[in-house]
N, C-alpha and C. Protein backbone atom coordinates (compact mmCIF):
# COMPACT_ATOMS: atom_id res chain seq x y z
N UNK A 1 -35.10 78.65 -95.68
CA UNK A 1 -35.86 78.00 -96.73
C UNK A 1 -35.29 76.61 -97.04
N UNK A 2 -33.94 76.50 -97.01
CA UNK A 2 -33.28 75.22 -97.27
C UNK A 2 -33.70 74.18 -96.22
N UNK A 3 -33.81 74.61 -94.96
CA UNK A 3 -34.25 73.71 -93.90
C UNK A 3 -35.65 73.19 -94.15
N UNK A 4 -36.53 74.03 -94.72
CA UNK A 4 -37.90 73.62 -94.99
C UNK A 4 -37.93 72.47 -95.99
N UNK A 5 -37.14 72.57 -97.06
CA UNK A 5 -37.09 71.50 -98.06
C UNK A 5 -36.56 70.21 -97.46
N UNK A 6 -35.54 70.33 -96.67
CA UNK A 6 -34.97 69.16 -95.99
C UNK A 6 -36.00 68.56 -95.02
N UNK A 7 -36.73 69.44 -94.33
CA UNK A 7 -37.77 69.00 -93.39
C UNK A 7 -38.81 68.15 -94.11
N UNK A 8 -39.28 68.62 -95.27
CA UNK A 8 -40.30 67.88 -96.02
C UNK A 8 -39.74 66.57 -96.58
N UNK A 9 -38.53 66.61 -97.08
CA UNK A 9 -37.92 65.40 -97.64
C UNK A 9 -37.72 64.32 -96.60
N UNK A 10 -37.14 64.70 -95.46
CA UNK A 10 -36.91 63.73 -94.39
C UNK A 10 -38.24 63.25 -93.79
N UNK A 11 -39.18 64.16 -93.66
CA UNK A 11 -40.49 63.79 -93.12
C UNK A 11 -41.19 62.79 -94.03
N UNK A 12 -41.17 63.04 -95.32
CA UNK A 12 -41.82 62.13 -96.28
C UNK A 12 -41.14 60.76 -96.27
N UNK A 13 -39.81 60.76 -96.21
CA UNK A 13 -39.08 59.49 -96.15
C UNK A 13 -39.42 58.71 -94.88
N UNK A 14 -39.46 59.41 -93.75
CA UNK A 14 -39.79 58.75 -92.48
C UNK A 14 -41.21 58.20 -92.50
N UNK A 15 -42.16 58.97 -93.02
CA UNK A 15 -43.54 58.49 -93.12
C UNK A 15 -43.59 57.24 -94.00
N UNK A 16 -42.91 57.28 -95.14
CA UNK A 16 -42.92 56.14 -96.05
C UNK A 16 -42.35 54.88 -95.38
N UNK A 17 -41.25 55.03 -94.66
CA UNK A 17 -40.64 53.88 -93.98
C UNK A 17 -41.55 53.33 -92.88
N UNK A 18 -42.16 54.22 -92.10
CA UNK A 18 -43.05 53.78 -91.02
C UNK A 18 -44.31 53.11 -91.57
N UNK A 19 -44.87 53.65 -92.64
CA UNK A 19 -46.04 53.04 -93.26
C UNK A 19 -45.67 51.68 -93.84
N UNK A 20 -44.52 51.60 -94.49
CA UNK A 20 -44.06 50.32 -95.03
C UNK A 20 -43.96 49.28 -93.92
N UNK A 21 -43.35 49.64 -92.79
CA UNK A 21 -43.20 48.70 -91.68
C UNK A 21 -44.56 48.24 -91.16
N UNK A 22 -45.49 49.18 -91.00
CA UNK A 22 -46.84 48.84 -90.55
C UNK A 22 -47.49 47.86 -91.52
N UNK A 23 -47.45 48.16 -92.81
CA UNK A 23 -48.08 47.31 -93.81
C UNK A 23 -47.41 45.93 -93.88
N UNK A 24 -46.10 45.90 -93.72
CA UNK A 24 -45.36 44.64 -93.73
C UNK A 24 -45.78 43.76 -92.55
N UNK A 25 -45.90 44.35 -91.35
CA UNK A 25 -46.31 43.56 -90.18
C UNK A 25 -47.74 43.04 -90.36
N UNK A 26 -48.60 43.84 -90.96
CA UNK A 26 -49.98 43.39 -91.20
C UNK A 26 -50.01 42.25 -92.23
N UNK A 27 -49.15 42.34 -93.23
CA UNK A 27 -49.05 41.28 -94.23
C UNK A 27 -48.56 39.99 -93.57
N UNK A 28 -47.58 40.11 -92.71
CA UNK A 28 -47.09 38.93 -91.98
C UNK A 28 -48.19 38.33 -91.11
N UNK A 29 -48.95 39.19 -90.45
CA UNK A 29 -50.06 38.71 -89.62
C UNK A 29 -51.08 37.97 -90.47
N UNK A 30 -51.40 38.51 -91.63
CA UNK A 30 -52.37 37.89 -92.51
C UNK A 30 -51.86 36.53 -93.02
N UNK A 31 -50.58 36.44 -93.31
CA UNK A 31 -49.99 35.20 -93.82
C UNK A 31 -49.84 34.12 -92.75
N UNK A 32 -49.52 34.52 -91.51
CA UNK A 32 -49.12 33.54 -90.51
C UNK A 32 -50.07 33.36 -89.33
N UNK A 33 -51.03 34.25 -89.17
CA UNK A 33 -51.86 34.18 -87.97
C UNK A 33 -53.33 33.83 -88.23
N UNK A 34 -53.73 33.70 -89.48
CA UNK A 34 -55.14 33.39 -89.75
C UNK A 34 -55.51 31.99 -89.28
N UNK A 35 -54.54 31.10 -89.19
CA UNK A 35 -54.81 29.73 -88.73
C UNK A 35 -55.00 29.66 -87.22
N UNK A 36 -54.53 30.66 -86.51
CA UNK A 36 -54.66 30.68 -85.05
C UNK A 36 -53.60 31.55 -84.42
N UNK A 37 -53.77 31.86 -83.14
CA UNK A 37 -52.83 32.76 -82.48
C UNK A 37 -51.46 32.13 -82.25
N UNK A 38 -50.48 32.99 -82.12
CA UNK A 38 -49.11 32.58 -81.79
C UNK A 38 -48.79 33.16 -80.41
N UNK A 39 -48.64 32.29 -79.43
CA UNK A 39 -48.40 32.73 -78.06
C UNK A 39 -46.94 33.13 -77.90
N UNK A 40 -46.73 34.35 -77.45
CA UNK A 40 -45.38 34.85 -77.18
C UNK A 40 -45.05 34.62 -75.70
N UNK A 41 -45.98 34.97 -74.84
CA UNK A 41 -45.82 34.78 -73.39
C UNK A 41 -47.16 34.29 -72.87
N UNK A 42 -47.20 33.03 -72.51
CA UNK A 42 -48.45 32.37 -72.15
C UNK A 42 -49.24 33.15 -71.10
N UNK A 43 -50.47 33.46 -71.45
CA UNK A 43 -51.36 34.18 -70.54
C UNK A 43 -51.12 35.68 -70.48
N UNK A 44 -50.11 36.15 -71.20
CA UNK A 44 -49.76 37.58 -71.13
C UNK A 44 -49.89 38.26 -72.49
N UNK A 45 -49.17 37.75 -73.50
CA UNK A 45 -49.13 38.43 -74.79
C UNK A 45 -49.11 37.41 -75.91
N UNK A 46 -49.91 37.68 -76.95
CA UNK A 46 -49.90 36.82 -78.11
C UNK A 46 -50.18 37.60 -79.38
N UNK A 47 -49.85 36.99 -80.50
CA UNK A 47 -50.16 37.55 -81.81
C UNK A 47 -51.42 36.84 -82.28
N UNK A 48 -52.45 37.62 -82.57
CA UNK A 48 -53.76 37.05 -82.90
C UNK A 48 -54.37 37.88 -84.02
N UNK A 49 -54.63 37.24 -85.15
CA UNK A 49 -55.20 37.94 -86.30
C UNK A 49 -56.64 38.37 -86.01
N UNK A 50 -56.93 39.62 -86.33
CA UNK A 50 -58.27 40.15 -86.11
C UNK A 50 -58.58 41.19 -87.18
N UNK A 51 -59.82 41.20 -87.60
CA UNK A 51 -60.31 42.19 -88.55
C UNK A 51 -61.13 43.21 -87.77
N UNK A 52 -60.81 44.50 -87.97
CA UNK A 52 -61.52 45.56 -87.26
C UNK A 52 -62.17 46.49 -88.28
N UNK A 53 -63.49 46.50 -88.30
CA UNK A 53 -64.23 47.39 -89.20
C UNK A 53 -64.65 48.67 -88.49
N UNK A 54 -64.11 48.87 -87.29
CA UNK A 54 -64.45 50.07 -86.51
C UNK A 54 -63.20 50.84 -86.17
N UNK A 55 -63.29 51.58 -85.07
CA UNK A 55 -62.15 52.37 -84.59
C UNK A 55 -61.61 51.71 -83.34
N UNK A 56 -60.91 52.49 -82.53
CA UNK A 56 -60.33 51.98 -81.28
C UNK A 56 -61.41 51.31 -80.44
N UNK A 57 -61.04 50.18 -79.86
CA UNK A 57 -61.95 49.42 -78.99
C UNK A 57 -63.20 48.94 -79.73
N UNK A 58 -63.13 48.91 -81.07
CA UNK A 58 -64.23 48.39 -81.87
C UNK A 58 -65.43 49.31 -81.99
N UNK A 59 -65.29 50.57 -81.61
CA UNK A 59 -66.43 51.49 -81.71
C UNK A 59 -66.65 51.88 -83.17
N UNK A 60 -67.83 52.35 -83.47
CA UNK A 60 -68.21 52.84 -84.81
C UNK A 60 -67.99 51.77 -85.90
N UNK A 61 -68.46 50.58 -85.64
CA UNK A 61 -68.32 49.49 -86.60
C UNK A 61 -68.99 49.85 -87.93
N UNK A 62 -68.34 49.41 -89.02
CA UNK A 62 -68.87 49.55 -90.38
C UNK A 62 -69.14 51.00 -90.80
N UNK A 63 -68.33 51.92 -90.33
CA UNK A 63 -68.45 53.34 -90.71
C UNK A 63 -67.27 53.74 -91.59
N UNK A 64 -66.99 52.93 -92.61
CA UNK A 64 -65.82 53.10 -93.46
C UNK A 64 -65.73 54.50 -94.08
N UNK A 65 -66.81 54.99 -94.65
CA UNK A 65 -66.80 56.32 -95.29
C UNK A 65 -66.46 57.39 -94.27
N UNK A 66 -67.03 57.30 -93.08
CA UNK A 66 -66.73 58.25 -92.01
C UNK A 66 -65.24 58.24 -91.70
N UNK A 67 -64.64 57.05 -91.59
CA UNK A 67 -63.20 56.95 -91.28
C UNK A 67 -62.34 57.50 -92.42
N UNK A 68 -62.73 57.26 -93.64
CA UNK A 68 -61.95 57.77 -94.78
C UNK A 68 -61.99 59.30 -94.79
N UNK A 69 -63.17 59.88 -94.61
CA UNK A 69 -63.29 61.35 -94.60
C UNK A 69 -62.56 61.95 -93.40
N UNK A 70 -62.76 61.37 -92.21
CA UNK A 70 -62.11 61.93 -91.02
C UNK A 70 -60.59 61.79 -91.09
N UNK A 71 -60.11 60.69 -91.67
CA UNK A 71 -58.66 60.53 -91.83
C UNK A 71 -58.10 61.60 -92.76
N UNK A 72 -58.79 61.88 -93.84
CA UNK A 72 -58.35 62.94 -94.77
C UNK A 72 -58.29 64.29 -94.06
N UNK A 73 -59.28 64.58 -93.23
CA UNK A 73 -59.29 65.84 -92.48
C UNK A 73 -58.15 65.90 -91.47
N UNK A 74 -57.92 64.80 -90.77
CA UNK A 74 -56.83 64.74 -89.79
C UNK A 74 -55.49 64.91 -90.49
N UNK A 75 -55.31 64.23 -91.62
CA UNK A 75 -54.04 64.35 -92.36
C UNK A 75 -53.82 65.77 -92.86
N UNK A 76 -54.88 66.44 -93.29
CA UNK A 76 -54.76 67.84 -93.73
C UNK A 76 -54.35 68.73 -92.56
N UNK A 77 -54.93 68.50 -91.39
CA UNK A 77 -54.58 69.29 -90.20
C UNK A 77 -53.13 69.05 -89.79
N UNK A 78 -52.69 67.81 -89.85
CA UNK A 78 -51.31 67.49 -89.48
C UNK A 78 -50.34 68.13 -90.47
N UNK A 79 -50.66 68.06 -91.75
CA UNK A 79 -49.80 68.67 -92.76
C UNK A 79 -49.71 70.18 -92.55
N UNK A 80 -50.82 70.80 -92.21
CA UNK A 80 -50.83 72.24 -91.92
C UNK A 80 -49.90 72.53 -90.72
N UNK A 81 -50.05 71.76 -89.66
CA UNK A 81 -49.20 71.95 -88.48
C UNK A 81 -47.73 71.72 -88.81
N UNK A 82 -47.46 70.67 -89.58
CA UNK A 82 -46.09 70.35 -89.96
C UNK A 82 -45.47 71.51 -90.74
N UNK A 83 -46.27 72.10 -91.62
CA UNK A 83 -45.80 73.26 -92.40
C UNK A 83 -45.48 74.45 -91.49
N UNK A 84 -46.30 74.67 -90.46
CA UNK A 84 -46.13 75.82 -89.58
C UNK A 84 -44.95 75.67 -88.62
N UNK A 85 -44.57 74.45 -88.28
CA UNK A 85 -43.50 74.22 -87.31
C UNK A 85 -42.15 74.49 -87.97
N UNK A 86 -41.38 75.43 -87.43
CA UNK A 86 -40.06 75.70 -88.00
C UNK A 86 -39.11 74.50 -87.84
N UNK A 87 -38.25 74.33 -88.84
CA UNK A 87 -37.30 73.23 -88.83
C UNK A 87 -36.09 73.59 -87.95
N UNK A 88 -36.30 73.56 -86.63
CA UNK A 88 -35.23 73.84 -85.69
C UNK A 88 -35.03 72.63 -84.78
N UNK A 89 -33.90 72.60 -84.12
CA UNK A 89 -33.59 71.50 -83.21
C UNK A 89 -34.64 71.39 -82.09
N UNK A 90 -35.06 72.53 -81.58
CA UNK A 90 -36.04 72.55 -80.49
C UNK A 90 -37.38 71.95 -80.92
N UNK A 91 -37.73 72.11 -82.19
CA UNK A 91 -39.02 71.63 -82.69
C UNK A 91 -38.97 70.22 -83.27
N UNK A 92 -37.80 69.60 -83.26
CA UNK A 92 -37.68 68.26 -83.80
C UNK A 92 -38.66 67.26 -83.18
N UNK A 93 -38.90 67.28 -81.85
CA UNK A 93 -39.90 66.35 -81.30
C UNK A 93 -41.31 66.58 -81.86
N UNK A 94 -41.70 67.84 -82.06
CA UNK A 94 -43.02 68.13 -82.64
C UNK A 94 -43.12 67.60 -84.07
N UNK A 95 -42.06 67.82 -84.84
CA UNK A 95 -42.05 67.32 -86.21
C UNK A 95 -42.12 65.80 -86.23
N UNK A 96 -41.40 65.16 -85.32
CA UNK A 96 -41.42 63.69 -85.23
C UNK A 96 -42.81 63.18 -84.86
N UNK A 97 -43.51 63.89 -83.98
CA UNK A 97 -44.87 63.48 -83.61
C UNK A 97 -45.81 63.59 -84.81
N UNK A 98 -45.65 64.64 -85.59
CA UNK A 98 -46.46 64.80 -86.80
C UNK A 98 -46.20 63.65 -87.78
N UNK A 99 -44.94 63.31 -87.96
CA UNK A 99 -44.57 62.22 -88.86
C UNK A 99 -45.17 60.90 -88.37
N UNK A 100 -45.05 60.63 -87.10
CA UNK A 100 -45.53 59.37 -86.55
C UNK A 100 -47.06 59.23 -86.62
N UNK A 101 -47.77 60.29 -86.28
CA UNK A 101 -49.23 60.25 -86.37
C UNK A 101 -49.66 60.12 -87.83
N UNK A 102 -48.98 60.82 -88.73
CA UNK A 102 -49.29 60.70 -90.15
C UNK A 102 -49.10 59.26 -90.63
N UNK A 103 -47.99 58.64 -90.25
CA UNK A 103 -47.72 57.26 -90.65
C UNK A 103 -48.79 56.32 -90.09
N UNK A 104 -49.18 56.51 -88.85
CA UNK A 104 -50.21 55.66 -88.26
C UNK A 104 -51.55 55.83 -88.95
N UNK A 105 -51.91 57.07 -89.20
CA UNK A 105 -53.19 57.34 -89.87
C UNK A 105 -53.18 56.76 -91.29
N UNK A 106 -52.07 56.94 -92.00
CA UNK A 106 -51.98 56.40 -93.37
C UNK A 106 -51.98 54.87 -93.37
N UNK A 107 -51.30 54.26 -92.40
CA UNK A 107 -51.27 52.80 -92.33
C UNK A 107 -52.65 52.20 -92.21
N UNK A 108 -53.46 52.73 -91.32
CA UNK A 108 -54.82 52.23 -91.16
C UNK A 108 -55.73 52.69 -92.32
N UNK A 109 -55.46 53.87 -92.86
CA UNK A 109 -56.22 54.38 -94.01
C UNK A 109 -56.07 53.45 -95.21
N UNK A 110 -54.85 53.00 -95.46
CA UNK A 110 -54.59 52.08 -96.57
C UNK A 110 -55.42 50.81 -96.40
N UNK A 111 -55.43 50.26 -95.19
CA UNK A 111 -56.24 49.06 -94.94
C UNK A 111 -57.71 49.33 -95.23
N UNK A 112 -58.23 50.42 -94.71
CA UNK A 112 -59.65 50.73 -94.90
C UNK A 112 -60.00 50.95 -96.37
N UNK A 113 -59.08 51.58 -97.08
CA UNK A 113 -59.33 51.89 -98.48
C UNK A 113 -59.33 50.62 -99.34
N UNK A 114 -58.35 49.75 -99.14
CA UNK A 114 -58.19 48.58 -100.00
C UNK A 114 -58.84 47.30 -99.48
N UNK A 115 -58.89 47.14 -98.16
CA UNK A 115 -59.45 45.91 -97.59
C UNK A 115 -60.85 46.11 -97.01
N UNK A 116 -61.20 47.36 -96.73
CA UNK A 116 -62.45 47.75 -96.08
C UNK A 116 -62.48 47.41 -94.59
N UNK A 117 -61.34 47.07 -94.04
CA UNK A 117 -61.17 46.83 -92.60
C UNK A 117 -59.70 47.03 -92.26
N UNK A 118 -59.41 47.08 -90.97
CA UNK A 118 -58.03 47.23 -90.50
C UNK A 118 -57.59 45.91 -89.90
N UNK A 119 -56.37 45.50 -90.22
CA UNK A 119 -55.81 44.27 -89.66
C UNK A 119 -55.16 44.61 -88.33
N UNK A 120 -55.59 43.92 -87.28
CA UNK A 120 -55.00 44.03 -85.94
C UNK A 120 -54.42 42.68 -85.57
N UNK A 121 -53.37 42.68 -84.73
CA UNK A 121 -52.76 41.39 -84.40
C UNK A 121 -52.00 41.35 -83.08
N UNK A 122 -51.86 42.44 -82.38
CA UNK A 122 -51.13 42.47 -81.11
C UNK A 122 -52.14 42.42 -79.97
N UNK A 123 -52.00 41.43 -79.09
CA UNK A 123 -53.02 41.21 -78.05
C UNK A 123 -52.38 40.96 -76.69
N UNK A 124 -52.69 41.86 -75.73
CA UNK A 124 -52.27 41.66 -74.34
C UNK A 124 -53.38 40.88 -73.63
N UNK A 125 -53.22 39.58 -73.60
CA UNK A 125 -54.23 38.70 -73.03
C UNK A 125 -54.38 38.91 -71.52
N UNK A 126 -53.29 39.22 -70.84
CA UNK A 126 -53.30 39.38 -69.39
C UNK A 126 -54.37 40.38 -68.94
N UNK A 127 -54.50 41.46 -69.66
CA UNK A 127 -55.48 42.49 -69.28
C UNK A 127 -56.66 42.55 -70.26
N UNK A 128 -56.69 41.58 -71.19
CA UNK A 128 -57.74 41.52 -72.20
C UNK A 128 -57.89 42.86 -72.92
N UNK A 129 -56.74 43.46 -73.27
CA UNK A 129 -56.74 44.73 -73.98
C UNK A 129 -57.15 44.49 -75.43
N UNK A 130 -57.90 45.40 -76.04
CA UNK A 130 -58.30 45.20 -77.44
C UNK A 130 -57.09 44.97 -78.35
N UNK A 131 -57.27 44.14 -79.33
CA UNK A 131 -56.21 43.81 -80.28
C UNK A 131 -55.90 45.07 -81.10
N UNK A 132 -54.62 45.32 -81.36
CA UNK A 132 -54.21 46.53 -82.07
C UNK A 132 -53.09 46.21 -83.04
N UNK A 133 -52.55 47.23 -83.71
CA UNK A 133 -51.50 47.03 -84.70
C UNK A 133 -50.40 48.09 -84.55
N UNK A 134 -49.42 48.03 -85.42
CA UNK A 134 -48.27 48.95 -85.35
C UNK A 134 -48.70 50.40 -85.60
N UNK A 135 -49.61 50.63 -86.54
CA UNK A 135 -50.09 51.99 -86.81
C UNK A 135 -50.74 52.58 -85.56
N UNK A 136 -51.48 51.76 -84.83
CA UNK A 136 -52.10 52.22 -83.58
C UNK A 136 -51.04 52.63 -82.56
N UNK A 137 -49.93 51.91 -82.55
CA UNK A 137 -48.83 52.24 -81.64
C UNK A 137 -48.25 53.60 -82.01
N UNK A 138 -48.02 53.82 -83.31
CA UNK A 138 -47.50 55.12 -83.75
C UNK A 138 -48.38 56.26 -83.23
N UNK A 139 -49.68 56.12 -83.41
CA UNK A 139 -50.62 57.19 -83.03
C UNK A 139 -50.67 57.37 -81.52
N UNK A 140 -50.83 56.27 -80.80
CA UNK A 140 -50.98 56.34 -79.34
C UNK A 140 -49.73 56.88 -78.66
N UNK A 141 -48.59 56.34 -79.01
CA UNK A 141 -47.33 56.80 -78.39
C UNK A 141 -47.10 58.27 -78.73
N UNK A 142 -47.34 58.66 -79.96
CA UNK A 142 -47.16 60.06 -80.36
C UNK A 142 -48.05 60.99 -79.57
N UNK A 143 -49.28 60.60 -79.36
CA UNK A 143 -50.20 61.45 -78.59
C UNK A 143 -49.74 61.60 -77.14
N UNK A 144 -49.28 60.51 -76.53
CA UNK A 144 -48.79 60.60 -75.16
C UNK A 144 -47.51 61.45 -75.08
N UNK A 145 -46.60 61.25 -76.03
CA UNK A 145 -45.37 62.05 -76.04
C UNK A 145 -45.72 63.52 -76.27
N UNK A 146 -46.65 63.79 -77.18
CA UNK A 146 -47.08 65.16 -77.44
C UNK A 146 -47.63 65.82 -76.18
N UNK A 147 -48.49 65.10 -75.45
CA UNK A 147 -49.04 65.66 -74.21
C UNK A 147 -47.92 65.93 -73.20
N UNK A 148 -46.99 65.01 -73.08
CA UNK A 148 -45.86 65.19 -72.17
C UNK A 148 -45.07 66.44 -72.57
N UNK A 149 -44.78 66.58 -73.86
CA UNK A 149 -44.03 67.75 -74.34
C UNK A 149 -44.78 69.05 -74.03
N UNK A 150 -46.08 69.04 -74.25
CA UNK A 150 -46.87 70.26 -74.01
C UNK A 150 -46.90 70.63 -72.52
N UNK A 151 -46.93 69.64 -71.66
CA UNK A 151 -46.99 69.91 -70.22
C UNK A 151 -45.62 70.23 -69.61
N UNK A 152 -44.56 69.61 -70.11
CA UNK A 152 -43.28 69.69 -69.42
C UNK A 152 -42.11 70.26 -70.22
N UNK A 153 -42.24 70.40 -71.53
CA UNK A 153 -41.08 70.82 -72.32
C UNK A 153 -41.28 72.19 -72.97
N UNK A 154 -42.38 72.32 -73.70
CA UNK A 154 -42.61 73.57 -74.41
C UNK A 154 -43.35 74.58 -73.53
N UNK A 155 -43.01 75.84 -73.76
CA UNK A 155 -43.72 76.95 -73.12
C UNK A 155 -44.58 77.61 -74.19
N UNK A 156 -45.49 78.43 -73.76
CA UNK A 156 -46.40 79.08 -74.70
C UNK A 156 -45.65 79.85 -75.79
N UNK A 157 -44.59 80.55 -75.40
CA UNK A 157 -43.84 81.34 -76.39
C UNK A 157 -43.09 80.46 -77.40
N UNK A 158 -42.83 79.19 -77.04
CA UNK A 158 -42.18 78.27 -77.98
C UNK A 158 -43.10 77.91 -79.15
N UNK A 159 -44.39 78.11 -78.96
CA UNK A 159 -45.38 77.70 -79.96
C UNK A 159 -46.02 78.88 -80.68
N UNK A 160 -45.39 80.06 -80.59
CA UNK A 160 -45.95 81.25 -81.21
C UNK A 160 -46.02 81.17 -82.72
N UNK A 161 -45.25 80.27 -83.33
CA UNK A 161 -45.27 80.14 -84.79
C UNK A 161 -46.65 79.71 -85.29
N UNK A 162 -47.48 79.10 -84.44
CA UNK A 162 -48.84 78.73 -84.85
C UNK A 162 -49.73 79.96 -85.02
N UNK A 163 -49.36 81.07 -84.41
CA UNK A 163 -50.16 82.29 -84.53
C UNK A 163 -49.77 83.14 -85.72
N UNK A 164 -48.61 82.86 -86.33
CA UNK A 164 -48.15 83.64 -87.47
C UNK A 164 -48.79 83.14 -88.75
N UNK A 165 -49.03 84.07 -89.66
CA UNK A 165 -49.48 83.63 -90.98
C UNK A 165 -48.26 83.46 -91.88
N UNK A 166 -48.43 82.87 -93.05
CA UNK A 166 -47.31 82.55 -93.93
C UNK A 166 -46.57 83.80 -94.38
N UNK A 167 -47.26 84.92 -94.55
CA UNK A 167 -46.62 86.16 -95.00
C UNK A 167 -45.67 86.66 -93.91
N UNK A 168 -46.10 86.57 -92.63
CA UNK A 168 -45.24 86.99 -91.52
C UNK A 168 -43.99 86.10 -91.45
N UNK A 169 -44.17 84.78 -91.70
CA UNK A 169 -43.04 83.86 -91.65
C UNK A 169 -42.03 84.16 -92.72
N UNK A 170 -42.46 84.44 -93.95
CA UNK A 170 -41.52 84.69 -95.03
C UNK A 170 -40.81 86.02 -94.82
N UNK A 171 -41.45 87.01 -94.19
CA UNK A 171 -40.78 88.28 -93.87
C UNK A 171 -39.74 88.08 -92.79
N UNK A 172 -39.96 87.14 -91.87
CA UNK A 172 -39.02 86.89 -90.78
C UNK A 172 -37.77 86.19 -91.27
N UNK A 173 -37.88 85.44 -92.38
CA UNK A 173 -36.72 84.71 -92.90
C UNK A 173 -35.86 85.66 -93.62
């Protein structure tokens, strides 16, 4: 039970720090990049201020209410999963993925809620990749790491805690 409290405390602190960093970088982008892009590596990578009223790759433009509702549902699902994952050393990567995806979702959620759009500013010009932000990195990297963990690290029996209900868990402790 003590590990559970520590798990929630550390998770909340990590989410808060990651969201703060995302919001800080977006604030810097808004302050310094609205006048024009800042080239980091000519023809390869630059910082370029962009407003995104849609999702990844600009899909679903101007669907703010949809994004707010779907983000709330995703955050509820992640919180449920985070609660179910035991606070053990073996499960630390899963807990970290939950924290990172939560921070990414909250970072973009804050933008949508208060600005009605998401601030993007990282642009790989070499491949003309859509402009993105730090919150997008949290989500994307976490999803790739999660898939890697599911394919190569965890076995089915390692994830049996998702099949237990809360009453079974408290009896096991």
